[in-house]
């Protein structure tokens, strides 16, 4: 959760408020979502998926990534969210610049939303 949520977003959403059980509201929210993740995903499958994402190299065996991207003929929409820590805007801009038929869309993340 912390890789795609921003500090400003957490602060706007939860502040220093407390949940009914005395924990900070953000702590209770994160715990609830963690429990949901555990119920849906086998831990080993999650580790395997994240490892595959972390080690994937589009250029492996093909040459420089920029050259590989230039060879992609399909149109692409590259979406950049200003607060994204996992896929920072600068990386999305680079990706869009390397894809010959890419359109880059930039989104501003709202800092205040209702807790779910």
C-alpha atoms as a PDB file:
ATOM      1  CA  UNK A   1       0.000   0.000   0.000  1.00  0.00           C
ATOM      2  CA  UNK A   2       2.805   2.372   0.790  1.00  0.00           C
ATOM      3  CA  UNK A   3       4.334   2.098  -2.678  1.00  0.00           C
ATOM      4  CA  UNK A   4       1.451   3.748  -4.469  1.00  0.00           C
ATOM      5  CA  UNK A   5       0.002   5.922  -1.732  1.00  0.00           C
ATOM      6  CA  UNK A   6       1.605   9.208  -0.763  1.00  0.00           C
ATOM      7  CA  UNK A   7       2.303  10.662   2.651  1.00  0.00           C
ATOM      8  CA  UNK A   8       0.128  13.661   1.777  1.00  0.00           C
ATOM      9  CA  UNK A   9      -2.693  11.323   0.763  1.00  0.00           C
ATOM     10  CA  UNK A  10      -2.465   9.348   4.007  1.00  0.00           C
ATOM     11  CA  UNK A  11      -2.366  12.527   6.058  1.00  0.00           C
ATOM     12  CA  UNK A  12      -5.330  14.061   4.230  1.00  0.00           C
ATOM     13  CA  UNK A  13      -7.310  10.849   4.483  1.00  0.00           C
ATOM     14  CA  UNK A  14      -6.519   9.858   8.072  1.00  0.00           C
ATOM     15  CA  UNK A  15      -4.528  12.560   9.838  1.00  0.00           C
ATOM     16  CA  UNK A  16      -3.896  11.581  13.434  1.00  0.00           C
ATOM     17  CA  UNK A  17      -7.410  10.247  14.005  1.00  0.00           C
ATOM     18  CA  UNK A  18      -7.919   7.084  15.994  1.00  0.00           C
ATOM     19  CA  UNK A  19      -9.975   4.012  15.173  1.00  0.00           C
ATOM     20  CA  UNK A  20     -12.531   2.636  17.618  1.00  0.00           C
ATOM     21  CA  UNK A  21      -9.949   0.178  18.965  1.00  0.00           C
ATOM     22  CA  UNK A  22      -7.492   2.957  19.879  1.00  0.00           C
ATOM     23  CA  UNK A  23      -5.063   2.419  17.006  1.00  0.00           C
ATOM     24  CA  UNK A  24      -4.402   5.192  14.550  1.00  0.00           C
ATOM     25  CA  UNK A  25      -7.002   5.050  11.776  1.00  0.00           C
ATOM     26  CA  UNK A  26      -4.298   4.588   9.146  1.00  0.00           C
ATOM     27  CA  UNK A  27      -2.877   1.637  11.087  1.00  0.00           C
ATOM     28  CA  UNK A  28      -6.296  -0.021  11.277  1.00  0.00           C
ATOM     29  CA  UNK A  29      -6.904   0.621   7.559  1.00  0.00           C
ATOM     30  CA  UNK A  30      -3.522  -0.843   6.557  1.00  0.00           C
ATOM     31  CA  UNK A  31      -4.065  -3.884   8.790  1.00  0.00           C
ATOM     32  CA  UNK A  32      -7.524  -4.502   7.299  1.00  0.00           C
ATOM     33  CA  UNK A  33      -6.169  -4.322   3.756  1.00  0.00           C
ATOM     34  CA  UNK A  34      -3.234  -6.556   4.703  1.00  0.00           C
ATOM     35  CA  UNK A  35      -5.660  -9.160   6.045  1.00  0.00           C
ATOM     36  CA  UNK A  36      -7.640  -9.008   2.793  1.00  0.00           C
ATOM     37  CA  UNK A  37      -4.438  -9.531   0.800  1.00  0.00           C
ATOM     38  CA  UNK A  38      -3.493 -12.566   2.897  1.00  0.00           C
ATOM     39  CA  UNK A  39      -6.970 -14.029   2.376  1.00  0.00           C
ATOM     40  CA  UNK A  40      -6.734 -13.619  -1.430  1.00  0.00           C
ATOM     41  CA  UNK A  41      -3.095 -14.463  -2.127  1.00  0.00           C
ATOM     42  CA  UNK A  42      -0.882 -17.368  -1.254  1.00  0.00           C
ATOM     43  CA  UNK A  43       2.247 -15.799   0.269  1.00  0.00           C
ATOM     44  CA  UNK A  44       4.598 -17.824  -1.937  1.00  0.00           C
ATOM     45  CA  UNK A  45       2.673 -16.827  -5.069  1.00  0.00           C
ATOM     46  CA  UNK A  46       2.917 -13.173  -4.038  1.00  0.00           C
ATOM     47  CA  UNK A  47       6.683 -13.477  -3.480  1.00  0.00           C
ATOM     48  CA  UNK A  48       7.056 -15.152  -6.886  1.00  0.00           C
ATOM     49  CA  UNK A  49       5.019 -12.447  -8.632  1.00  0.00           C
ATOM     50  CA  UNK A  50       6.894  -9.572  -6.997  1.00  0.00           C
ATOM     51  CA  UNK A  51      10.242 -11.238  -7.742  1.00  0.00           C
ATOM     52  CA  UNK A  52       9.264 -11.630 -11.402  1.00  0.00           C
ATOM     53  CA  UNK A  53       8.278  -7.959 -11.563  1.00  0.00           C
ATOM     54  CA  UNK A  54      11.475  -6.839  -9.827  1.00  0.00           C
ATOM     55  CA  UNK A  55      13.798  -8.860 -12.058  1.00  0.00           C
ATOM     56  CA  UNK A  56      12.069  -8.549 -15.436  1.00  0.00           C
ATOM     57  CA  UNK A  57      14.343  -6.959 -18.030  1.00  0.00           C
ATOM     58  CA  UNK A  58      12.756  -6.119 -21.364  1.00  0.00           C
ATOM     59  CA  UNK A  59      16.195  -5.756 -22.904  1.00  0.00           C
ATOM     60  CA  UNK A  60      17.549  -9.127 -21.727  1.00  0.00           C
ATOM     61  CA  UNK A  61      18.855 -10.880 -24.809  1.00  0.00           C
ATOM     62  CA  UNK A  62      17.461  -8.161 -27.109  1.00  0.00           C
ATOM     63  CA  UNK A  63      19.766  -5.195 -26.661  1.00  0.00           C
ATOM     64  CA  UNK A  64      19.225  -1.765 -25.135  1.00  0.00           C
ATOM     65  CA  UNK A  65      15.739  -1.199 -23.702  1.00  0.00           C
ATOM     66  CA  UNK A  66      15.316   1.979 -25.736  1.00  0.00           C
ATOM     67  CA  UNK A  67      15.872   0.003 -28.971  1.00  0.00           C
ATOM     68  CA  UNK A  68      13.424  -2.692 -27.898  1.00  0.00           C
ATOM     69  CA  UNK A  69      10.759  -0.086 -27.099  1.00  0.00           C
ATOM     70  CA  UNK A  70      11.314   1.654 -30.457  1.00  0.00           C
ATOM     71  CA  UNK A  71      10.438  -1.647 -32.127  1.00  0.00           C
ATOM     72  CA  UNK A  72       6.967  -1.824 -30.554  1.00  0.00           C
ATOM     73  CA  UNK A  73       4.446  -0.831 -33.218  1.00  0.00           C
ATOM     74  CA  UNK A  74       1.274  -1.022 -31.114  1.00  0.00           C
ATOM     75  CA  UNK A  75      -0.239   2.201 -29.817  1.00  0.00           C
ATOM     76  CA  UNK A  76       0.249   2.689 -26.087  1.00  0.00           C
ATOM     77  CA  UNK A  77      -1.254   4.861 -23.400  1.00  0.00           C
ATOM     78  CA  UNK A  78       1.285   5.571 -20.678  1.00  0.00           C
ATOM     79  CA  UNK A  79      -0.349   6.806 -17.511  1.00  0.00           C
ATOM     80  CA  UNK A  80       1.667   8.815 -15.000  1.00  0.00           C
ATOM     81  CA  UNK A  81       0.397   9.639 -11.512  1.00  0.00           C
ATOM     82  CA  UNK A  82       2.291  12.438  -9.789  1.00  0.00           C
ATOM     83  CA  UNK A  83       2.555  10.705  -6.395  1.00  0.00           C
ATOM     84  CA  UNK A  84       3.395   7.210  -7.653  1.00  0.00           C
ATOM     85  CA  UNK A  85       6.506   5.930  -5.869  1.00  0.00           C
ATOM     86  CA  UNK A  86       6.545   2.524  -7.596  1.00  0.00           C
ATOM     87  CA  UNK A  87       6.376   3.942 -11.144  1.00  0.00           C
ATOM     88  CA  UNK A  88       7.620   7.538 -10.815  1.00  0.00           C
ATOM     89  CA  UNK A  89       6.512  10.099 -13.411  1.00  0.00           C
ATOM     90  CA  UNK A  90      10.047  10.530 -14.748  1.00  0.00           C
ATOM     91  CA  UNK A  91      10.133   6.820 -15.647  1.00  0.00           C
ATOM     92  CA  UNK A  92       6.730   7.031 -17.326  1.00  0.00           C
ATOM     93  CA  UNK A  93       7.893  10.038 -19.338  1.00  0.00           C
ATOM     94  CA  UNK A  94      10.968   8.102 -20.488  1.00  0.00           C
ATOM     95  CA  UNK A  95       8.818   5.110 -21.427  1.00  0.00           C
ATOM     96  CA  UNK A  96       6.430   7.271 -23.463  1.00  0.00           C
ATOM     97  CA  UNK A  97       9.343   8.990 -25.214  1.00  0.00           C
ATOM     98  CA  UNK A  98      10.775   5.621 -26.298  1.00  0.00           C
ATOM     99  CA  UNK A  99       7.515   4.111 -27.586  1.00  0.00           C
ATOM    100  CA  UNK A 100       6.893   5.398 -31.124  1.00  0.00           C
ATOM    101  CA  UNK A 101       3.089   5.440 -30.842  1.00  0.00           C
ATOM    102  CA  UNK A 102       2.693   6.372 -27.192  1.00  0.00           C
ATOM    103  CA  UNK A 103       0.457   8.967 -25.642  1.00  0.00           C
ATOM    104  CA  UNK A 104       1.405  10.161 -22.152  1.00  0.00           C
ATOM    105  CA  UNK A 105      -1.408  11.074 -19.770  1.00  0.00           C
ATOM    106  CA  UNK A 106      -0.568  12.737 -16.471  1.00  0.00           C
ATOM    107  CA  UNK A 107      -2.880  12.480 -13.480  1.00  0.00           C
ATOM    108  CA  UNK A 108      -2.749  14.481 -10.299  1.00  0.00           C
ATOM    109  CA  UNK A 109      -3.500  12.291  -7.330  1.00  0.00           C
ATOM    110  CA  UNK A 110      -6.220  13.616  -5.058  1.00  0.00           C
ATOM    111  CA  UNK A 111      -4.913  14.107  -1.552  1.00  0.00           C
ATOM    112  CA  UNK A 112      -8.264  13.805   0.213  1.00  0.00           C
ATOM    113  CA  UNK A 113     -10.530  10.797  -0.214  1.00  0.00           C
ATOM    114  CA  UNK A 114     -12.956   8.981   1.997  1.00  0.00           C
ATOM    115  CA  UNK A 115     -11.509   5.915   3.801  1.00  0.00           C
ATOM    116  CA  UNK A 116     -12.804   2.581   2.504  1.00  0.00           C
END
